[in-house]
């Protein structure tokens, strides 16, 4: 378990699969995460097994209840880089800063435990809530990939973002100073 300010990250367990299944099939989560098709429970079990083999998947808990999913994968040890993925599946937890806390918690873990130099991710450009959360943690847009996802009859851009250990620490320090 990894403790953040307001969230706890814990390993994904088999008992979480039905909840992950519900979250990932929520129409808005599904749309924002750019999934291609609905998921079966078997898809979730297979995906979670692969996630554990390829990286470090976690359930995000707040106030003792699961609210989302976060993890790192695509680990390139030579370059000390990994990718981050996250979603808050419980709509009642949206826009409360819990995603940012989860991202900060996982970044501190990734930079501290594995000595990564950089963490990268991609997002739909129209997912402004997510892009803001990433920016709060020090992520910067590196590229905009025009018309990369077909959504609701139109093309949507993707953004590629990354954060170095130094940029994460600077963003964290700036937020702490601003809150004082």
N, C-alpha and C. Protein backbone atom coordinates (compact mmCIF):
# COMPACT_ATOMS: atom_id res chain seq x y z
N UNK A 1 0.84 -1.19 0.00
CA UNK A 1 0.00 0.00 0.00
C UNK A 1 0.88 1.24 0.00
N UNK A 2 0.43 2.22 -0.74
CA UNK A 2 1.15 3.49 -0.83
C UNK A 2 0.18 4.58 -0.39
N UNK A 3 0.57 5.32 0.62
CA UNK A 3 -0.31 6.34 1.19
C UNK A 3 -0.03 7.70 0.59
N UNK A 4 -1.07 8.34 0.07
CA UNK A 4 -0.99 9.72 -0.39
C UNK A 4 -1.56 10.63 0.68
N UNK A 5 -1.80 11.88 0.33
CA UNK A 5 -2.40 12.81 1.29
C UNK A 5 -3.85 12.43 1.60
N UNK A 6 -4.61 12.10 0.55
CA UNK A 6 -6.04 11.78 0.72
C UNK A 6 -6.43 10.45 0.12
N UNK A 7 -5.51 9.81 -0.58
CA UNK A 7 -5.81 8.52 -1.20
C UNK A 7 -4.80 7.48 -0.76
N UNK A 8 -5.18 6.24 -0.94
CA UNK A 8 -4.29 5.10 -0.75
C UNK A 8 -4.28 4.32 -2.05
N UNK A 9 -3.10 3.90 -2.46
CA UNK A 9 -2.97 3.04 -3.63
C UNK A 9 -2.66 1.65 -3.12
N UNK A 10 -3.44 0.68 -3.56
CA UNK A 10 -3.20 -0.70 -3.15
C UNK A 10 -3.22 -1.58 -4.38
N UNK A 11 -2.55 -2.73 -4.31
CA UNK A 11 -2.55 -3.63 -5.47
C UNK A 11 -3.97 -4.05 -5.85
N UNK A 12 -4.16 -4.26 -7.13
CA UNK A 12 -5.45 -4.76 -7.63
C UNK A 12 -5.60 -6.21 -7.21
N UNK A 13 -6.80 -6.57 -6.76
CA UNK A 13 -7.10 -7.94 -6.36
C UNK A 13 -8.23 -8.47 -7.24
N UNK A 14 -8.36 -9.79 -7.30
CA UNK A 14 -9.42 -10.42 -8.10
C UNK A 14 -10.79 -9.87 -7.73
N UNK A 15 -11.02 -9.58 -6.47
CA UNK A 15 -12.33 -9.09 -6.02
C UNK A 15 -12.66 -7.71 -6.60
N UNK A 16 -11.64 -7.01 -7.15
CA UNK A 16 -11.85 -5.69 -7.74
C UNK A 16 -12.38 -5.76 -9.17
N UNK A 17 -12.28 -6.92 -9.81
CA UNK A 17 -12.62 -7.03 -11.22
C UNK A 17 -14.04 -6.57 -11.54
N UNK A 18 -15.06 -6.97 -10.76
CA UNK A 18 -16.42 -6.48 -11.10
C UNK A 18 -16.54 -4.95 -11.04
N UNK A 19 -15.86 -4.34 -10.09
CA UNK A 19 -15.90 -2.87 -9.99
C UNK A 19 -15.16 -2.23 -11.16
N UNK A 20 -13.97 -2.73 -11.48
CA UNK A 20 -13.22 -2.22 -12.64
C UNK A 20 -14.07 -2.39 -13.90
N UNK A 21 -14.73 -3.53 -14.02
CA UNK A 21 -15.60 -3.80 -15.16
C UNK A 21 -16.69 -2.73 -15.26
N UNK A 22 -17.33 -2.43 -14.16
CA UNK A 22 -18.38 -1.40 -14.15
C UNK A 22 -17.81 -0.03 -14.52
N UNK A 23 -16.67 0.33 -13.93
CA UNK A 23 -16.06 1.63 -14.23
C UNK A 23 -15.70 1.75 -15.70
N UNK A 24 -15.02 0.74 -16.23
CA UNK A 24 -14.53 0.83 -17.60
C UNK A 24 -15.66 0.77 -18.63
N UNK A 25 -16.82 0.30 -18.23
CA UNK A 25 -17.97 0.29 -19.13
C UNK A 25 -18.91 1.47 -18.90
N UNK A 26 -18.58 2.34 -17.94
CA UNK A 26 -19.34 3.57 -17.76
C UNK A 26 -19.16 4.39 -19.04
N UNK A 27 -20.25 4.85 -19.66
CA UNK A 27 -20.13 5.52 -20.96
C UNK A 27 -19.16 6.70 -20.98
N UNK A 28 -19.14 7.51 -19.93
CA UNK A 28 -18.23 8.66 -19.95
C UNK A 28 -16.79 8.25 -19.71
N UNK A 29 -16.56 7.34 -18.79
CA UNK A 29 -15.19 6.83 -18.57
C UNK A 29 -14.70 6.17 -19.85
N UNK A 30 -15.55 5.35 -20.43
CA UNK A 30 -15.22 4.63 -21.65
C UNK A 30 -14.83 5.61 -22.76
N UNK A 31 -15.60 6.69 -22.91
CA UNK A 31 -15.34 7.69 -23.94
C UNK A 31 -14.02 8.42 -23.67
N UNK A 32 -13.84 8.89 -22.44
CA UNK A 32 -12.65 9.67 -22.10
C UNK A 32 -11.36 8.85 -22.13
N UNK A 33 -11.46 7.56 -21.81
CA UNK A 33 -10.28 6.70 -21.84
C UNK A 33 -9.99 6.20 -23.26
N UNK A 34 -10.87 6.51 -24.19
CA UNK A 34 -10.70 6.16 -25.60
C UNK A 34 -10.67 4.66 -25.83
N UNK A 35 -11.48 3.94 -25.06
CA UNK A 35 -11.59 2.50 -25.27
C UNK A 35 -12.31 2.25 -26.59
N UNK A 36 -12.01 1.14 -27.23
CA UNK A 36 -12.58 0.85 -28.54
C UNK A 36 -13.89 0.07 -28.49
N UNK A 37 -14.08 -0.71 -27.43
CA UNK A 37 -15.29 -1.54 -27.34
C UNK A 37 -15.58 -1.81 -25.87
N UNK A 38 -16.81 -2.13 -25.54
CA UNK A 38 -17.13 -2.49 -24.15
C UNK A 38 -16.33 -3.72 -23.71
N UNK A 39 -16.21 -3.87 -22.41
CA UNK A 39 -15.41 -4.95 -21.82
C UNK A 39 -16.30 -6.01 -21.19
N UNK A 40 -15.87 -7.24 -21.30
CA UNK A 40 -16.49 -8.32 -20.54
C UNK A 40 -15.69 -8.48 -19.25
N UNK A 41 -16.23 -9.22 -18.31
CA UNK A 41 -15.49 -9.50 -17.08
C UNK A 41 -14.23 -10.30 -17.39
N UNK A 42 -14.29 -11.19 -18.37
CA UNK A 42 -13.10 -11.95 -18.79
C UNK A 42 -12.04 -11.01 -19.37
N UNK A 43 -12.46 -9.97 -20.12
CA UNK A 43 -11.51 -8.99 -20.64
C UNK A 43 -10.77 -8.30 -19.50
N UNK A 44 -11.52 -7.95 -18.46
CA UNK A 44 -10.92 -7.26 -17.31
C UNK A 44 -9.90 -8.17 -16.63
N UNK A 45 -10.26 -9.43 -16.38
CA UNK A 45 -9.34 -10.37 -15.74
C UNK A 45 -8.07 -10.52 -16.56
N UNK A 46 -8.21 -10.65 -17.87
CA UNK A 46 -7.04 -10.78 -18.75
C UNK A 46 -6.19 -9.51 -18.73
N UNK A 47 -6.85 -8.36 -18.81
CA UNK A 47 -6.15 -7.08 -18.80
C UNK A 47 -5.40 -6.86 -17.49
N UNK A 48 -6.03 -7.21 -16.37
CA UNK A 48 -5.38 -7.02 -15.07
C UNK A 48 -4.19 -7.96 -14.89
N UNK A 49 -4.31 -9.17 -15.40
CA UNK A 49 -3.19 -10.10 -15.34
C UNK A 49 -2.01 -9.54 -16.14
N UNK A 50 -2.29 -9.05 -17.35
CA UNK A 50 -1.25 -8.45 -18.19
C UNK A 50 -0.66 -7.21 -17.52
N UNK A 51 -1.51 -6.39 -16.91
CA UNK A 51 -1.03 -5.17 -16.24
C UNK A 51 -0.04 -5.52 -15.13
N UNK A 52 -0.32 -6.59 -14.38
CA UNK A 52 0.59 -7.01 -13.30
C UNK A 52 1.89 -7.58 -13.84
N UNK A 53 1.84 -8.23 -15.00
CA UNK A 53 3.05 -8.77 -15.60
C UNK A 53 3.93 -7.68 -16.20
N UNK A 54 3.30 -6.63 -16.72
CA UNK A 54 4.01 -5.58 -17.45
C UNK A 54 4.32 -4.34 -16.63
N UNK A 55 3.77 -4.24 -15.43
CA UNK A 55 3.98 -3.03 -14.66
C UNK A 55 3.44 -3.16 -13.25
N UNK A 56 2.90 -2.06 -12.75
CA UNK A 56 2.44 -1.99 -11.37
C UNK A 56 1.06 -1.34 -11.33
N UNK A 57 0.00 -2.17 -11.33
CA UNK A 57 -1.37 -1.63 -11.28
C UNK A 57 -1.86 -1.47 -9.84
N UNK A 58 -2.63 -0.42 -9.62
CA UNK A 58 -3.17 -0.14 -8.29
C UNK A 58 -4.63 0.27 -8.37
N UNK A 59 -5.33 0.02 -7.29
CA UNK A 59 -6.66 0.57 -7.05
C UNK A 59 -6.46 1.84 -6.23
N UNK A 60 -7.18 2.90 -6.57
CA UNK A 60 -7.15 4.14 -5.80
C UNK A 60 -8.30 4.05 -4.80
N UNK A 61 -7.99 4.23 -3.53
CA UNK A 61 -9.02 4.27 -2.49
C UNK A 61 -9.02 5.65 -1.84
N UNK A 62 -10.21 6.13 -1.52
CA UNK A 62 -10.38 7.37 -0.76
C UNK A 62 -11.43 7.10 0.30
N UNK A 63 -11.15 7.50 1.49
CA UNK A 63 -12.06 7.26 2.62
C UNK A 63 -12.45 5.79 2.71
N UNK A 64 -11.48 4.91 2.43
CA UNK A 64 -11.67 3.48 2.58
C UNK A 64 -12.47 2.79 1.49
N UNK A 65 -12.78 3.51 0.42
CA UNK A 65 -13.54 2.86 -0.66
C UNK A 65 -12.83 3.06 -2.00
N UNK A 66 -12.89 2.05 -2.87
CA UNK A 66 -12.26 2.15 -4.19
C UNK A 66 -12.95 3.22 -5.04
N UNK A 67 -12.15 4.05 -5.71
CA UNK A 67 -12.71 5.08 -6.58
C UNK A 67 -12.12 5.05 -7.98
N UNK A 68 -11.02 4.34 -8.19
CA UNK A 68 -10.42 4.36 -9.51
C UNK A 68 -9.22 3.44 -9.63
N UNK A 69 -8.51 3.63 -10.69
CA UNK A 69 -7.42 2.75 -11.08
C UNK A 69 -6.25 3.59 -11.56
N UNK A 70 -5.04 3.18 -11.22
CA UNK A 70 -3.83 3.88 -11.64
C UNK A 70 -2.70 2.87 -11.74
N UNK A 71 -1.71 3.17 -12.53
CA UNK A 71 -0.57 2.27 -12.61
C UNK A 71 0.51 2.81 -13.52
N UNK A 72 1.60 2.07 -13.55
CA UNK A 72 2.68 2.36 -14.49
C UNK A 72 2.95 1.10 -15.30
N UNK A 73 3.36 1.33 -16.55
CA UNK A 73 3.73 0.24 -17.44
C UNK A 73 4.70 0.77 -18.50
N UNK A 74 4.91 0.01 -19.55
CA UNK A 74 5.85 0.41 -20.61
C UNK A 74 7.18 0.86 -20.01
N UNK A 75 7.69 0.07 -19.11
CA UNK A 75 8.92 0.42 -18.39
C UNK A 75 10.12 0.19 -19.31
N UNK A 76 10.91 1.25 -19.45
CA UNK A 76 12.15 1.18 -20.23
C UNK A 76 13.29 1.46 -19.24
N UNK A 77 13.80 0.40 -18.66
CA UNK A 77 14.79 0.54 -17.58
C UNK A 77 16.06 1.26 -18.03
N UNK A 78 16.55 0.96 -19.23
CA UNK A 78 17.77 1.63 -19.70
C UNK A 78 17.60 3.15 -19.70
N UNK A 79 16.44 3.61 -20.17
CA UNK A 79 16.19 5.05 -20.27
C UNK A 79 15.57 5.63 -19.01
N UNK A 80 15.21 4.74 -18.05
CA UNK A 80 14.59 5.13 -16.79
C UNK A 80 13.30 5.93 -17.04
N UNK A 81 12.46 5.36 -17.92
CA UNK A 81 11.19 5.98 -18.30
C UNK A 81 10.08 4.93 -18.18
N UNK A 82 8.91 5.38 -17.77
CA UNK A 82 7.72 4.52 -17.77
C UNK A 82 6.53 5.36 -18.19
N UNK A 83 5.41 4.68 -18.40
CA UNK A 83 4.16 5.35 -18.74
C UNK A 83 3.19 5.24 -17.56
N UNK A 84 2.37 6.24 -17.39
CA UNK A 84 1.35 6.28 -16.34
C UNK A 84 -0.03 6.22 -16.98
N UNK A 85 -0.93 5.52 -16.34
CA UNK A 85 -2.34 5.53 -16.75
C UNK A 85 -3.19 5.68 -15.49
N UNK A 86 -4.33 6.33 -15.65
CA UNK A 86 -5.19 6.58 -14.48
C UNK A 86 -6.60 6.90 -14.94
N UNK A 87 -7.57 6.51 -14.14
CA UNK A 87 -8.92 7.01 -14.29
C UNK A 87 -9.63 6.91 -12.93
N UNK A 88 -10.50 7.86 -12.70
CA UNK A 88 -11.38 7.81 -11.54
C UNK A 88 -12.71 7.28 -12.07
N UNK A 89 -13.08 6.09 -11.65
CA UNK A 89 -14.29 5.45 -12.15
C UNK A 89 -15.54 5.82 -11.38
N UNK A 90 -15.38 6.20 -10.13
CA UNK A 90 -16.51 6.58 -9.28
C UNK A 90 -16.81 8.06 -9.54
N UNK A 91 -17.91 8.31 -10.22
CA UNK A 91 -18.25 9.70 -10.59
C UNK A 91 -18.40 10.63 -9.38
N UNK A 92 -18.78 10.09 -8.23
CA UNK A 92 -18.93 10.95 -7.04
C UNK A 92 -17.58 11.47 -6.55
N UNK A 93 -16.49 10.90 -7.05
CA UNK A 93 -15.15 11.34 -6.65
C UNK A 93 -14.52 12.28 -7.68
N UNK A 94 -15.24 12.62 -8.73
CA UNK A 94 -14.70 13.49 -9.77
C UNK A 94 -14.60 14.93 -9.26
N UNK A 95 -13.60 15.63 -9.75
CA UNK A 95 -13.39 17.07 -9.51
C UNK A 95 -13.20 17.40 -8.03
N UNK A 96 -12.57 16.50 -7.29
CA UNK A 96 -12.30 16.73 -5.87
C UNK A 96 -10.80 16.70 -5.55
N UNK A 97 -9.98 16.65 -6.59
CA UNK A 97 -8.53 16.62 -6.38
C UNK A 97 -7.97 15.24 -6.04
N UNK A 98 -8.82 14.23 -6.03
CA UNK A 98 -8.35 12.89 -5.66
C UNK A 98 -7.49 12.28 -6.76
N UNK A 99 -7.81 12.58 -8.02
CA UNK A 99 -6.99 12.10 -9.12
C UNK A 99 -5.59 12.70 -9.07
N UNK A 100 -5.52 13.99 -8.78
CA UNK A 100 -4.21 14.65 -8.66
C UNK A 100 -3.41 14.05 -7.52
N UNK A 101 -4.07 13.79 -6.39
CA UNK A 101 -3.38 13.17 -5.26
C UNK A 101 -2.88 11.77 -5.64
N UNK A 102 -3.70 11.02 -6.35
CA UNK A 102 -3.27 9.68 -6.79
C UNK A 102 -2.08 9.77 -7.73
N UNK A 103 -2.12 10.71 -8.67
CA UNK A 103 -1.01 10.89 -9.61
C UNK A 103 0.26 11.28 -8.85
N UNK A 104 0.15 12.25 -7.95
CA UNK A 104 1.32 12.66 -7.14
C UNK A 104 1.87 11.49 -6.34
N UNK A 105 0.98 10.69 -5.76
CA UNK A 105 1.40 9.56 -4.94
C UNK A 105 2.15 8.53 -5.78
N UNK A 106 1.61 8.23 -6.96
CA UNK A 106 2.28 7.25 -7.81
C UNK A 106 3.58 7.80 -8.38
N UNK A 107 3.61 9.09 -8.73
CA UNK A 107 4.86 9.67 -9.23
C UNK A 107 5.95 9.64 -8.16
N UNK A 108 5.61 9.98 -6.93
CA UNK A 108 6.60 9.94 -5.84
C UNK A 108 7.14 8.51 -5.68
N UNK A 109 6.25 7.54 -5.79
CA UNK A 109 6.65 6.13 -5.71
C UNK A 109 7.55 5.75 -6.89
N UNK A 110 7.14 6.11 -8.10
CA UNK A 110 7.91 5.76 -9.30
C UNK A 110 9.29 6.39 -9.29
N UNK A 111 9.35 7.68 -8.94
CA UNK A 111 10.65 8.35 -8.92
C UNK A 111 11.51 7.87 -7.76
N UNK A 112 10.91 7.63 -6.60
CA UNK A 112 11.67 7.21 -5.42
C UNK A 112 12.05 5.75 -5.43
N UNK A 113 11.12 4.88 -5.70
CA UNK A 113 11.36 3.43 -5.62
C UNK A 113 12.15 2.90 -6.80
N UNK A 114 11.87 3.42 -8.00
CA UNK A 114 12.49 2.88 -9.21
C UNK A 114 13.52 3.81 -9.85
N UNK A 115 13.68 4.99 -9.27
CA UNK A 115 14.66 5.95 -9.78
C UNK A 115 14.43 6.30 -11.25
N UNK A 116 13.13 6.40 -11.64
CA UNK A 116 12.85 6.81 -13.01
C UNK A 116 13.29 8.25 -13.21
N UNK A 117 13.65 8.55 -14.43
CA UNK A 117 14.00 9.92 -14.81
C UNK A 117 12.76 10.67 -15.31
N UNK A 118 11.87 9.91 -15.98
CA UNK A 118 10.73 10.55 -16.62
C UNK A 118 9.55 9.60 -16.66
N UNK A 119 8.35 10.18 -16.56
CA UNK A 119 7.10 9.43 -16.68
C UNK A 119 6.30 10.11 -17.79
N UNK A 120 5.76 9.28 -18.68
CA UNK A 120 5.03 9.83 -19.82
C UNK A 120 3.60 9.30 -19.83
N UNK A 121 2.74 9.93 -20.61
CA UNK A 121 1.35 9.49 -20.77
C UNK A 121 0.78 10.12 -22.01
N UNK A 122 -0.41 9.66 -22.39
CA UNK A 122 -1.18 10.34 -23.44
C UNK A 122 -2.60 10.49 -22.94
N UNK A 123 -3.29 11.46 -23.49
CA UNK A 123 -4.69 11.71 -23.14
C UNK A 123 -5.40 12.28 -24.35
N UNK A 124 -6.70 12.10 -24.40
CA UNK A 124 -7.47 12.84 -25.39
C UNK A 124 -7.35 14.32 -25.04
N UNK A 125 -7.10 15.15 -26.02
CA UNK A 125 -6.93 16.58 -25.76
C UNK A 125 -8.20 17.20 -25.18
N UNK A 126 -9.37 16.65 -25.52
CA UNK A 126 -10.63 17.20 -25.02
C UNK A 126 -10.90 16.82 -23.57
N UNK A 127 -10.09 15.95 -22.99
CA UNK A 127 -10.27 15.56 -21.59
C UNK A 127 -9.55 16.60 -20.71
N UNK A 128 -10.14 17.78 -20.67
CA UNK A 128 -9.50 18.92 -20.00
C UNK A 128 -9.28 18.68 -18.51
N UNK A 129 -10.20 17.99 -17.86
CA UNK A 129 -10.05 17.70 -16.42
C UNK A 129 -8.78 16.88 -16.19
N UNK A 130 -8.54 15.88 -17.01
CA UNK A 130 -7.35 15.05 -16.87
C UNK A 130 -6.08 15.85 -17.19
N UNK A 131 -6.12 16.60 -18.28
CA UNK A 131 -4.95 17.38 -18.68
C UNK A 131 -4.57 18.37 -17.57
N UNK A 132 -5.57 18.99 -16.94
CA UNK A 132 -5.30 19.90 -15.81
C UNK A 132 -4.67 19.15 -14.64
N UNK A 133 -5.19 17.97 -14.32
CA UNK A 133 -4.63 17.18 -13.21
C UNK A 133 -3.18 16.82 -13.50
N UNK A 134 -2.89 16.43 -14.73
CA UNK A 134 -1.51 16.10 -15.09
C UNK A 134 -0.61 17.33 -14.96
N UNK A 135 -1.09 18.47 -15.42
CA UNK A 135 -0.30 19.70 -15.33
C UNK A 135 -0.02 20.08 -13.88
N UNK A 136 -0.99 19.86 -12.99
CA UNK A 136 -0.77 20.16 -11.57
C UNK A 136 0.38 19.34 -11.00
N UNK A 137 0.63 18.17 -11.58
CA UNK A 137 1.70 17.30 -11.11
C UNK A 137 3.01 17.54 -11.86
N UNK A 138 3.03 18.54 -12.73
CA UNK A 138 4.26 18.90 -13.42
C UNK A 138 4.37 18.40 -14.84
N UNK A 139 3.37 17.65 -15.33
CA UNK A 139 3.42 17.18 -16.72
C UNK A 139 3.32 18.37 -17.67
N UNK A 140 4.04 18.26 -18.77
CA UNK A 140 4.00 19.27 -19.82
C UNK A 140 3.67 18.59 -21.14
N UNK A 141 2.89 19.28 -21.95
CA UNK A 141 2.57 18.73 -23.26
C UNK A 141 3.81 18.74 -24.13
N UNK A 142 4.13 17.60 -24.70
CA UNK A 142 5.27 17.48 -25.60
C UNK A 142 4.84 17.47 -27.06
N UNK A 143 3.65 16.93 -27.31
CA UNK A 143 3.18 16.84 -28.69
C UNK A 143 1.66 16.75 -28.71
N UNK A 144 1.12 17.24 -29.78
CA UNK A 144 -0.32 17.11 -30.04
C UNK A 144 -0.43 16.31 -31.33
N UNK A 145 -1.08 15.17 -31.23
CA UNK A 145 -1.27 14.30 -32.38
C UNK A 145 -2.66 14.57 -32.94
N UNK A 146 -2.69 15.24 -34.06
CA UNK A 146 -3.96 15.68 -34.65
C UNK A 146 -4.78 14.49 -35.15
N UNK A 147 -6.06 14.56 -34.84
CA UNK A 147 -7.05 13.64 -35.39
C UNK A 147 -6.65 12.18 -35.20
N UNK A 148 -6.31 11.78 -33.98
CA UNK A 148 -5.86 10.42 -33.70
C UNK A 148 -6.96 9.48 -33.24
N UNK A 149 -8.09 10.00 -32.81
CA UNK A 149 -9.17 9.13 -32.34
C UNK A 149 -10.49 9.58 -32.96
N UNK A 150 -11.24 8.61 -33.45
CA UNK A 150 -12.55 8.86 -34.04
C UNK A 150 -13.59 8.74 -32.94
N UNK A 151 -14.23 9.84 -32.59
CA UNK A 151 -15.19 9.87 -31.48
C UNK A 151 -16.47 10.55 -31.94
N UNK A 152 -17.58 9.87 -31.82
CA UNK A 152 -18.89 10.45 -32.09
C UNK A 152 -18.97 11.16 -33.45
N UNK A 153 -18.42 10.56 -34.46
CA UNK A 153 -18.52 11.10 -35.81
C UNK A 153 -17.51 12.18 -36.15
N UNK A 154 -16.49 12.36 -35.33
CA UNK A 154 -15.47 13.37 -35.62
C UNK A 154 -14.12 12.97 -35.05
N UNK A 155 -13.10 13.63 -35.53
CA UNK A 155 -11.73 13.35 -35.09
C UNK A 155 -11.40 14.15 -33.84
N UNK A 156 -10.64 13.53 -32.95
CA UNK A 156 -10.21 14.15 -31.70
C UNK A 156 -8.69 14.02 -31.61
N UNK A 157 -8.04 15.09 -31.16
CA UNK A 157 -6.59 15.07 -30.98
C UNK A 157 -6.22 14.33 -29.70
N UNK A 158 -5.01 13.83 -29.69
CA UNK A 158 -4.39 13.29 -28.47
C UNK A 158 -3.23 14.20 -28.11
N UNK A 159 -2.93 14.28 -26.81
CA UNK A 159 -1.74 14.98 -26.36
C UNK A 159 -0.81 13.98 -25.69
N UNK A 160 0.47 14.14 -25.94
CA UNK A 160 1.50 13.38 -25.26
C UNK A 160 2.12 14.30 -24.23
N UNK A 161 2.24 13.81 -23.01
CA UNK A 161 2.76 14.61 -21.92
C UNK A 161 3.82 13.82 -21.16
N UNK A 162 4.72 14.53 -20.52
CA UNK A 162 5.70 13.85 -19.68
C UNK A 162 6.11 14.77 -18.54
N UNK A 163 6.71 14.14 -17.53
CA UNK A 163 7.22 14.89 -16.38
C UNK A 163 8.53 14.22 -15.95
N UNK A 164 9.52 15.04 -15.65
CA UNK A 164 10.76 14.53 -15.07
C UNK A 164 10.65 14.61 -13.56
N UNK A 165 11.56 13.94 -12.89
CA UNK A 165 11.59 14.01 -11.43
C UNK A 165 11.70 15.47 -10.97
N UNK A 166 12.57 16.22 -11.61
CA UNK A 166 12.78 17.62 -11.20
C UNK A 166 11.52 18.46 -11.41
N UNK A 167 10.84 18.28 -12.54
CA UNK A 167 9.61 19.04 -12.80
C UNK A 167 8.51 18.65 -11.82
N UNK A 168 8.43 17.36 -11.47
CA UNK A 168 7.44 16.91 -10.48
C UNK A 168 7.72 17.56 -9.13
N UNK A 169 8.96 17.52 -8.70
CA UNK A 169 9.32 18.11 -7.41
C UNK A 169 9.07 19.61 -7.40
N UNK A 170 9.37 20.30 -8.49
CA UNK A 170 9.13 21.75 -8.58
C UNK A 170 7.63 22.05 -8.52
N UNK A 171 6.82 21.27 -9.22
CA UNK A 171 5.37 21.48 -9.20
C UNK A 171 4.82 21.22 -7.80
N UNK A 172 5.30 20.19 -7.16
CA UNK A 172 4.84 19.86 -5.81
C UNK A 172 5.22 20.97 -4.83
N UNK A 173 6.45 21.46 -4.92
CA UNK A 173 6.92 22.54 -4.05
C UNK A 173 6.11 23.82 -4.31
N UNK A 174 5.86 24.15 -5.57
CA UNK A 174 5.09 25.35 -5.90
C UNK A 174 3.67 25.26 -5.35
N UNK A 175 3.06 24.09 -5.43
CA UNK A 175 1.71 23.93 -4.89
C UNK A 175 1.70 24.08 -3.38
N UNK A 176 2.71 23.51 -2.71
CA UNK A 176 2.79 23.63 -1.25
C UNK A 176 2.94 25.08 -0.83
N UNK A 177 3.78 25.83 -1.54
CA UNK A 177 3.99 27.24 -1.22
C UNK A 177 2.72 28.05 -1.49
N UNK A 178 2.01 27.71 -2.54
CA UNK A 178 0.77 28.42 -2.88
C UNK A 178 -0.30 28.17 -1.83
N UNK A 179 -0.33 26.96 -1.26
CA UNK A 179 -1.34 26.59 -0.26
C UNK A 179 -1.07 27.23 1.10
N UNK A 180 0.12 27.70 1.33
CA UNK A 180 0.44 28.32 2.63
C UNK A 180 -0.11 29.69 2.77
